[in-house]
Amino acid sequence: MNKKVLVTGGAGFIGSHVGDELLRHGYQVRVFDNLCVQVHGPRCKRPPYLDPEIELIRGDVRDPDQLRQALQGMDAVFHFASLVGVGQSMYQVAEYTTVNNTGTANLWQALIENPVERLIVASSMSLYGEGLYRAPDGTLVSGLERSVSQLKSRDWELRATTGEILTPVPTPETKPPALASVYALSKFDQEQLCLLLGRAYRIPTVALRFFNVYGTRQALSNPYTGVLAIFASRLLNHNTPLVFEDGLQRRDFVSVHDVARAARLALESPGAAGRVFNIGSGRNYTIKEIAERMSEVTGRETIVPDITGKYRVGDIRHCFADIQLARKLLGYEPRQSLKEGLAELAAWLEGQVAEDRVDQARAELSARGLTV
């Protein structure tokens, strides 16, 4: 008999691709999703990209009864239901905490009553805060932050106590968390609660720390989604992509197809239970470079990114993934290059309509003193 898998948040960007990956490998898939307006628009209907073989239950992780019903008959769970947005989390504190933290607690109350064979929880690179760095003398450094006075003087790089600029290096899972936003705090809470209770109730649990995921089906009208989708929304509306600081901050951009495969491997790999894995591409790019590449693939090379020279509270300078552990224990290997991924994204964008709400989101942050 085919295994039955529940994906919370499974009608969204990453969750729907995970559903497709599971279907291709013979699983039966049920999705539990509230179809929220910020992601799915005002109609809140089943998205057309969701495979017809996927069973959709509309519900909210804040409702324990709905969760219990969704779990009936399931063999495994992917917990991907979450509000996503570093900046927005800093002023919608109660909303992020109830959905991400309390929603995960509700899931576990239901899992205690209806255990499954495995749970995979979506975590985030945001909980690292700043990534790992190397000092000029070769020692590895973590736990440093940029001061407000440094940021106001537009001195963007991380510096050693002696004043020398630190060099960013790939960040491994062993780096201690440095929680710089309510969103990061909630994701750390999600993963640790799942791992803790997974051990206590002998439900094998895996946490996947996703880096900057991009690809088709991103919510283009959501100004708090991934940076590539935000740039795409601006460009589709013939607006300039906004780049904070000097644009030279570095990130790891990973295709949603690679992420979906990693999620399936986390379900199937015996050695994954109880572990945390970075899921990225193993490469890194500057935000300025990403904005320029998006302009090229969308045919809008004449729209030059606006380097704002401003800083958002909760932002970090550099963080990109060390994926050696996922390679070793999951057999994970990124397959889609950034060039291929951007070409696919550009082709999908041709048929999309996006409402550009970036200026509105920026105004929200500014009004609350969350930009410098």
Protein backbone atom coordinates (compact mmCIF):
# COMPACT_ATOMS: atom_id res chain seq x y z
CA MET A 1 0.00 0.00 0.00
CA ASN A 2 1.26 3.48 -0.84
CA LYS A 3 2.26 5.62 2.12
CA LYS A 4 -0.07 8.50 2.92
CA VAL A 5 1.60 11.84 3.62
CA LEU A 6 0.18 15.08 5.00
CA VAL A 7 1.77 18.39 3.99
CA THR A 8 0.70 21.36 6.12
CA GLY A 9 0.98 24.55 4.10
CA GLY A 10 1.04 22.26 1.09
CA ALA A 11 -0.86 24.56 -1.28
CA GLY A 12 1.93 27.14 -1.08
CA PHE A 13 5.15 27.61 -3.02
CA ILE A 14 7.45 24.99 -1.50
CA GLY A 15 4.76 22.68 -0.16
CA SER A 16 3.10 22.21 -3.55
CA HIS A 17 6.41 21.26 -5.17
CA VAL A 18 7.00 18.76 -2.35
CA GLY A 19 3.55 17.33 -3.10
CA ASP A 20 4.52 16.86 -6.74
CA GLU A 21 7.78 15.18 -5.76
CA LEU A 22 5.96 12.78 -3.45
CA LEU A 23 3.36 11.90 -6.10
CA ARG A 24 6.12 11.10 -8.60
CA HIS A 25 7.55 8.62 -6.11
CA GLY A 26 4.33 6.78 -5.39
CA TYR A 27 3.03 8.50 -2.26
CA GLN A 28 -0.56 9.55 -1.62
CA VAL A 29 -0.64 13.24 -0.67
CA ARG A 30 -3.06 15.22 1.45
CA VAL A 31 -2.58 18.97 1.85
CA PHE A 32 -3.77 21.05 4.82
CA ASP A 33 -3.73 24.78 4.05
CA ASN A 34 -5.72 27.88 5.02
CA LEU A 35 -5.24 29.48 1.55
CA CYS A 36 -4.42 32.83 3.17
CA VAL A 37 -5.01 36.06 1.25
CA GLN A 38 -1.38 37.23 1.40
CA VAL A 39 -0.22 34.13 -0.50
CA HIS A 40 -3.25 33.06 -2.56
CA GLY A 41 -5.02 36.35 -3.19
CA PRO A 42 -8.53 37.49 -2.19
CA ARG A 43 -10.36 34.57 -3.85
CA CYS A 44 -8.62 32.05 -1.56
CA LYS A 45 -9.33 29.23 -4.01
CA ARG A 46 -7.48 25.99 -4.68
CA PRO A 47 -4.47 27.08 -6.78
CA PRO A 48 -4.54 25.75 -10.37
CA TYR A 49 -0.98 24.41 -10.04
CA LEU A 50 -1.99 21.98 -7.27
CA ASP A 51 -2.07 18.50 -8.80
CA PRO A 52 -5.63 17.10 -9.01
CA GLU A 53 -4.39 13.88 -7.35
CA ILE A 54 -3.61 15.86 -4.19
CA GLU A 55 -6.40 15.95 -1.61
CA LEU A 56 -6.85 19.47 -0.22
CA ILE A 57 -8.32 20.11 3.21
CA ARG A 58 -8.80 23.80 3.92
CA GLY A 59 -7.98 24.49 7.54
CA ASP A 60 -5.83 26.48 9.93
CA VAL A 61 -3.05 25.17 12.18
CA ARG A 62 -4.50 27.37 14.93
CA ASP A 63 -7.54 25.05 15.00
CA PRO A 64 -6.67 21.81 16.89
CA ASP A 65 -9.81 19.99 15.77
CA GLN A 66 -9.12 20.62 12.09
CA LEU A 67 -5.55 19.37 12.53
CA ARG A 68 -6.70 16.17 14.21
CA GLN A 69 -9.07 15.46 11.35
CA ALA A 70 -6.37 16.10 8.75
CA LEU A 71 -3.99 13.68 10.48
CA GLN A 72 -6.39 10.74 10.33
CA GLY A 73 -4.86 7.84 8.39
CA MET A 74 -1.54 9.58 7.69
CA ASP A 75 1.81 7.75 7.77
CA ALA A 76 4.07 10.83 7.72
CA VAL A 77 3.84 14.62 7.99
CA PHE A 78 5.68 17.53 6.40
CA HIS A 79 5.05 20.59 8.56
CA PHE A 80 5.47 23.54 6.19
CA ALA A 81 2.60 25.76 7.40
CA SER A 82 4.15 29.06 8.44
CA LEU A 83 3.94 32.82 8.08
CA VAL A 84 7.07 33.95 6.24
CA GLY A 85 8.57 37.42 6.41
CA VAL A 86 11.45 38.79 8.49
CA GLY A 87 10.32 42.42 8.31
CA GLN A 88 6.60 41.77 8.72
CA SER A 89 7.23 39.56 11.75
CA MET A 90 8.68 42.56 13.60
CA TYR A 91 5.30 44.32 13.70
CA GLN A 92 2.79 41.45 13.34
CA VAL A 93 4.23 39.77 16.40
CA ALA A 94 1.07 38.08 17.71
CA GLU A 95 0.11 36.77 14.25
CA TYR A 96 3.53 35.20 13.59
CA THR A 97 3.69 33.72 17.07
CA THR A 98 0.24 32.16 16.99
CA VAL A 99 0.60 30.68 13.49
CA ASN A 100 4.21 29.51 13.69
CA ASN A 101 4.66 28.67 17.38
CA THR A 102 1.17 27.82 18.61
CA GLY A 103 0.31 26.15 15.29
CA THR A 104 3.26 23.79 15.73
CA ALA A 105 2.23 23.08 19.32
CA ASN A 106 -1.28 22.25 18.08
CA LEU A 107 0.16 19.86 15.52
CA TRP A 108 2.08 18.07 18.24
CA GLN A 109 -0.97 17.75 20.47
CA ALA A 110 -2.59 15.96 17.54
CA LEU A 111 0.52 13.86 16.81
CA ILE A 112 0.64 12.63 20.42
CA GLU A 113 -2.84 11.22 19.89
CA ASN A 114 -2.15 10.05 16.30
CA PRO A 115 1.57 9.18 15.92
CA VAL A 116 3.17 8.95 12.48
CA GLU A 117 6.24 7.20 11.15
CA ARG A 118 8.16 10.41 10.47
CA LEU A 119 7.84 14.20 10.73
CA ILE A 120 9.81 16.67 8.60
CA VAL A 121 9.65 20.31 9.69
CA ALA A 122 10.60 23.30 7.53
CA SER A 123 13.10 25.49 9.35
CA SER A 124 15.08 28.46 8.03
CA MET A 125 18.57 29.85 7.58
CA SER A 126 17.27 33.03 9.23
CA LEU A 127 17.87 31.52 12.66
CA TYR A 128 21.64 31.70 12.11
CA GLY A 129 21.55 35.48 12.02
CA GLU A 130 24.96 36.36 10.66
CA GLY A 131 26.73 33.43 9.02
CA LEU A 132 30.16 32.09 9.87
CA TYR A 133 33.23 34.27 9.27
CA ARG A 134 37.01 33.91 9.15
CA ALA A 135 39.30 36.46 10.77
CA PRO A 136 42.54 37.62 9.09
CA ASP A 137 44.51 35.26 11.36
CA GLY A 138 42.48 32.28 10.06
CA THR A 139 40.29 31.69 13.10
CA LEU A 140 36.55 31.14 12.66
CA VAL A 141 34.29 33.77 14.20
CA SER A 142 30.56 33.78 14.99
CA GLY A 143 28.20 35.69 17.22
CA LEU A 144 29.22 39.19 16.13
CA GLU A 145 26.69 41.83 15.08
CA ARG A 146 26.85 45.22 13.42
CA SER A 147 26.10 48.12 15.76
CA VAL A 148 23.49 50.78 14.99
CA SER A 149 26.19 53.42 14.85
CA GLN A 150 28.14 51.33 12.34
CA LEU A 151 25.06 50.91 10.16
CA LYS A 152 24.21 54.60 10.32
CA SER A 153 27.71 55.36 9.05
CA ARG A 154 27.06 52.94 6.13
CA ASP A 155 29.90 50.66 7.20
CA TRP A 156 28.25 47.41 6.17
CA GLU A 157 30.81 44.65 6.73
CA LEU A 158 31.32 42.57 9.87
CA ARG A 159 34.53 43.51 11.65
CA ALA A 160 36.74 41.84 14.23
CA THR A 161 37.21 43.58 17.58
CA THR A 162 40.49 44.90 16.14
CA GLY A 163 38.61 46.56 13.27
CA GLU A 164 39.60 44.25 10.41
CA ILE A 165 36.91 43.11 7.97
CA LEU A 166 35.89 39.47 8.42
CA THR A 167 35.58 37.08 5.45
CA PRO A 168 32.28 35.14 5.17
CA VAL A 169 32.57 31.36 4.81
CA PRO A 170 29.91 28.63 4.38
CA THR A 171 27.74 28.26 7.49
CA PRO A 172 27.41 24.73 8.93
CA GLU A 173 24.59 23.39 11.11
CA THR A 174 26.89 23.59 14.14
CA LYS A 175 26.89 27.40 14.16
CA PRO A 176 24.94 28.64 17.21
CA PRO A 177 21.69 30.49 16.45
CA ALA A 178 21.63 34.29 16.56
CA LEU A 179 17.97 35.23 16.40
CA ALA A 180 17.56 38.65 14.80
CA SER A 181 13.79 38.70 14.10
CA VAL A 182 10.49 37.36 15.42
CA TYR A 183 10.35 35.14 12.32
CA ALA A 184 13.76 33.64 13.08
CA LEU A 185 12.75 33.06 16.70
CA SER A 186 9.55 31.31 15.59
CA LYS A 187 11.39 29.03 13.14
CA PHE A 188 13.92 28.06 15.81
CA ASP A 189 11.04 27.34 18.17
CA GLN A 190 9.33 25.21 15.51
CA GLU A 191 12.35 23.05 14.81
CA GLN A 192 13.42 22.63 18.43
CA LEU A 193 9.90 21.81 19.62
CA CYS A 194 9.61 19.18 16.89
CA LEU A 195 12.99 17.61 17.62
CA LEU A 196 12.39 17.62 21.38
CA LEU A 197 8.94 16.02 21.17
CA GLY A 198 10.08 13.69 18.40
CA ARG A 199 12.63 12.22 20.80
CA ALA A 200 10.15 12.08 23.68
CA TYR A 201 7.42 10.32 21.69
CA ARG A 202 9.75 8.28 19.45
CA ILE A 203 8.51 9.91 16.25
CA PRO A 204 11.57 10.21 13.97
CA THR A 205 11.86 13.93 13.19
CA VAL A 206 13.99 15.86 10.70
CA ALA A 207 14.46 19.64 10.50
CA LEU A 208 15.43 21.23 7.18
CA ARG A 209 16.95 24.70 7.29
CA PHE A 210 16.06 26.16 3.90
CA PHE A 211 18.19 28.93 2.49
CA ASN A 212 16.86 31.36 -0.16
CA VAL A 213 14.43 29.20 -2.13
CA TYR A 214 13.26 30.42 -5.53
CA GLY A 215 11.21 29.09 -8.43
CA THR A 216 7.78 28.89 -10.01
CA ARG A 217 4.60 29.34 -7.92
CA GLN A 218 6.05 31.97 -5.59
CA ALA A 219 3.44 34.46 -4.43
CA LEU A 220 4.46 37.44 -6.56
CA SER A 221 2.05 39.86 -4.87
CA ASN A 222 3.39 39.02 -1.39
CA PRO A 223 6.01 41.68 -0.53
CA TYR A 224 7.44 39.46 2.23
CA THR A 225 8.22 36.43 0.08
CA GLY A 226 11.67 35.52 -1.31
CA VAL A 227 13.82 38.27 -2.75
CA LEU A 228 13.76 36.84 -6.28
CA ALA A 229 9.96 36.92 -6.35
CA ILE A 230 9.99 40.48 -4.98
CA PHE A 231 12.38 41.57 -7.73
CA ALA A 232 10.21 39.79 -10.30
CA SER A 233 7.10 41.60 -9.08
CA ARG A 234 8.84 44.95 -9.38
CA LEU A 235 10.13 44.20 -12.87
CA LEU A 236 6.78 42.89 -14.12
CA ASN A 237 5.32 46.25 -13.13
CA HIS A 238 8.21 48.15 -14.77
CA ASN A 239 9.47 49.29 -11.36
CA THR A 240 13.02 49.39 -10.10
CA PRO A 241 14.13 46.53 -7.82
CA LEU A 242 15.02 47.93 -4.39
CA VAL A 243 18.28 46.65 -2.92
CA PHE A 244 19.16 47.43 0.69
CA GLU A 245 22.62 48.40 1.97
CA ASP A 246 25.15 48.38 -0.90
CA GLY A 247 23.82 45.23 -2.55
CA LEU A 248 26.98 43.25 -1.85
CA GLN A 249 25.50 41.08 0.91
CA ARG A 250 25.81 37.41 -0.03
CA ARG A 251 23.17 34.66 0.05
CA ASP A 252 22.65 31.07 -1.12
CA PHE A 253 19.85 30.74 -3.71
CA VAL A 254 18.47 27.22 -4.13
CA SER A 255 15.93 25.92 -6.64
CA VAL A 256 12.59 24.76 -5.25
CA HIS A 257 13.04 21.54 -7.25
CA ASP A 258 16.21 20.75 -5.29
CA VAL A 259 14.43 21.64 -2.05
CA ALA A 260 11.51 19.31 -2.86
CA ARG A 261 13.90 16.45 -3.56
CA ALA A 262 15.76 17.12 -0.30
CA ALA A 263 12.44 16.97 1.55
CA ARG A 264 11.65 13.55 0.09
CA LEU A 265 15.14 12.30 0.91
CA ALA A 266 14.61 13.45 4.51
CA LEU A 267 11.50 11.26 4.61
CA GLU A 268 13.27 8.22 3.18
CA SER A 269 16.81 8.38 4.64
CA PRO A 270 17.22 6.20 7.77
CA GLY A 271 20.16 8.26 9.08
CA ALA A 272 18.26 11.56 8.95
CA ALA A 273 16.10 11.06 12.04
CA GLY A 274 16.78 13.51 14.85
CA ARG A 275 19.04 15.67 12.70
CA VAL A 276 19.05 19.21 11.33
CA PHE A 277 20.19 19.83 7.74
CA ASN A 278 21.08 22.90 5.71
CA ILE A 279 19.35 22.81 2.32
CA GLY A 280 20.95 25.20 -0.12
CA SER A 281 22.81 25.22 -3.42
CA GLY A 282 26.29 25.34 -1.92
CA ARG A 283 26.95 28.53 -3.92
CA ASN A 284 26.51 32.19 -3.08
CA TYR A 285 25.73 35.42 -4.92
CA THR A 286 25.37 39.09 -4.04
CA ILE A 287 21.86 40.55 -3.92
CA LYS A 288 22.91 43.16 -6.49
CA GLU A 289 23.98 40.39 -8.88
CA ILE A 290 20.66 38.61 -8.40
CA ALA A 291 18.72 41.80 -9.17
CA GLU A 292 20.77 42.33 -12.33
CA ARG A 293 20.28 38.73 -13.46
CA MET A 294 16.53 38.99 -12.93
CA SER A 295 16.48 42.16 -15.04
CA GLU A 296 18.27 40.30 -17.83
CA VAL A 297 16.11 37.15 -17.88
CA THR A 298 12.89 39.19 -17.84
CA GLY A 299 14.09 41.33 -20.75
CA ARG A 300 14.22 44.49 -18.67
CA GLU A 301 17.97 45.14 -18.67
CA THR A 302 17.34 48.89 -18.82
CA ILE A 303 15.79 48.85 -15.33
CA VAL A 304 18.78 49.31 -13.05
CA PRO A 305 18.44 48.21 -9.40
CA ASP A 306 18.06 51.01 -6.85
CA ILE A 307 20.81 50.56 -4.25
CA THR A 308 19.03 52.27 -1.33
CA GLY A 309 21.89 52.45 1.19
CA LYS A 310 19.32 51.69 3.91
CA TYR A 311 19.18 48.92 6.47
CA ARG A 312 16.22 46.96 7.85
CA VAL A 313 16.12 45.84 11.45
CA GLY A 314 16.60 42.06 11.47
CA ASP A 315 18.72 41.97 8.30
CA ILE A 316 22.14 40.34 8.32
CA ARG A 317 25.14 40.85 6.08
CA HIS A 318 26.28 37.43 4.80
CA CYS A 319 24.97 33.90 5.22
CA PHE A 320 25.29 30.97 2.82
CA ALA A 321 25.10 27.22 3.26
CA ASP A 322 27.57 24.49 4.04
CA ILE A 323 25.65 21.46 2.69
CA GLN A 324 28.18 18.71 3.43
CA LEU A 325 25.96 17.03 6.03
CA ALA A 326 22.98 16.82 3.65
CA ARG A 327 25.25 15.39 0.99
CA LYS A 328 26.58 12.76 3.36
CA LEU A 329 23.42 11.62 5.20
CA LEU A 330 20.63 12.43 2.74
CA GLY A 331 22.46 11.82 -0.52
CA TYR A 332 21.37 15.33 -1.46
CA GLU A 333 23.04 17.03 -4.41
CA PRO A 334 21.74 20.28 -5.98
CA ARG A 335 20.96 19.70 -9.66
CA GLN A 336 19.59 22.98 -11.01
CA SER A 337 22.03 25.80 -11.67
CA LEU A 338 21.03 29.41 -11.03
CA LYS A 339 21.13 30.06 -14.79
CA GLU A 340 18.72 27.19 -15.48
CA GLY A 341 16.50 28.13 -12.56
CA LEU A 342 16.22 31.77 -13.60
CA ALA A 343 15.39 30.75 -17.18
CA GLU A 344 12.56 28.53 -15.92
CA LEU A 345 11.34 31.30 -13.61
CA ALA A 346 11.40 33.85 -16.46
CA ALA A 347 9.34 31.55 -18.70
CA TRP A 348 6.75 31.11 -15.94
CA LEU A 349 6.63 34.86 -15.25
CA GLU A 350 5.47 35.57 -18.82
CA GLY A 351 1.98 34.44 -17.95
CA GLN A 352 1.78 35.97 -14.48
CA VAL A 353 0.22 39.14 -13.12
CA ALA A 354 1.68 40.65 -9.95
CA GLU A 355 0.49 43.46 -7.75
CA ASP A 356 3.60 45.35 -6.62
CA ARG A 357 3.17 46.00 -2.88
CA VAL A 358 6.83 46.59 -2.08
CA ASP A 359 6.44 50.34 -1.52
CA GLN A 360 3.57 49.66 0.87
CA ALA A 361 5.66 47.13 2.84
CA ARG A 362 8.59 49.53 2.89
CA ALA A 363 6.35 52.28 4.27
CA GLU A 364 5.10 49.92 7.01
CA LEU A 365 8.67 49.25 8.15
CA SER A 366 9.69 52.91 7.95
CA ALA A 367 6.67 54.10 9.96
CA ARG A 368 7.71 51.78 12.79
CA GLY A 369 11.36 52.81 12.76
CA LEU A 370 12.45 49.42 11.39
CA THR A 371 14.64 50.86 8.64
CA VAL A 372 17.81 52.88 9.24
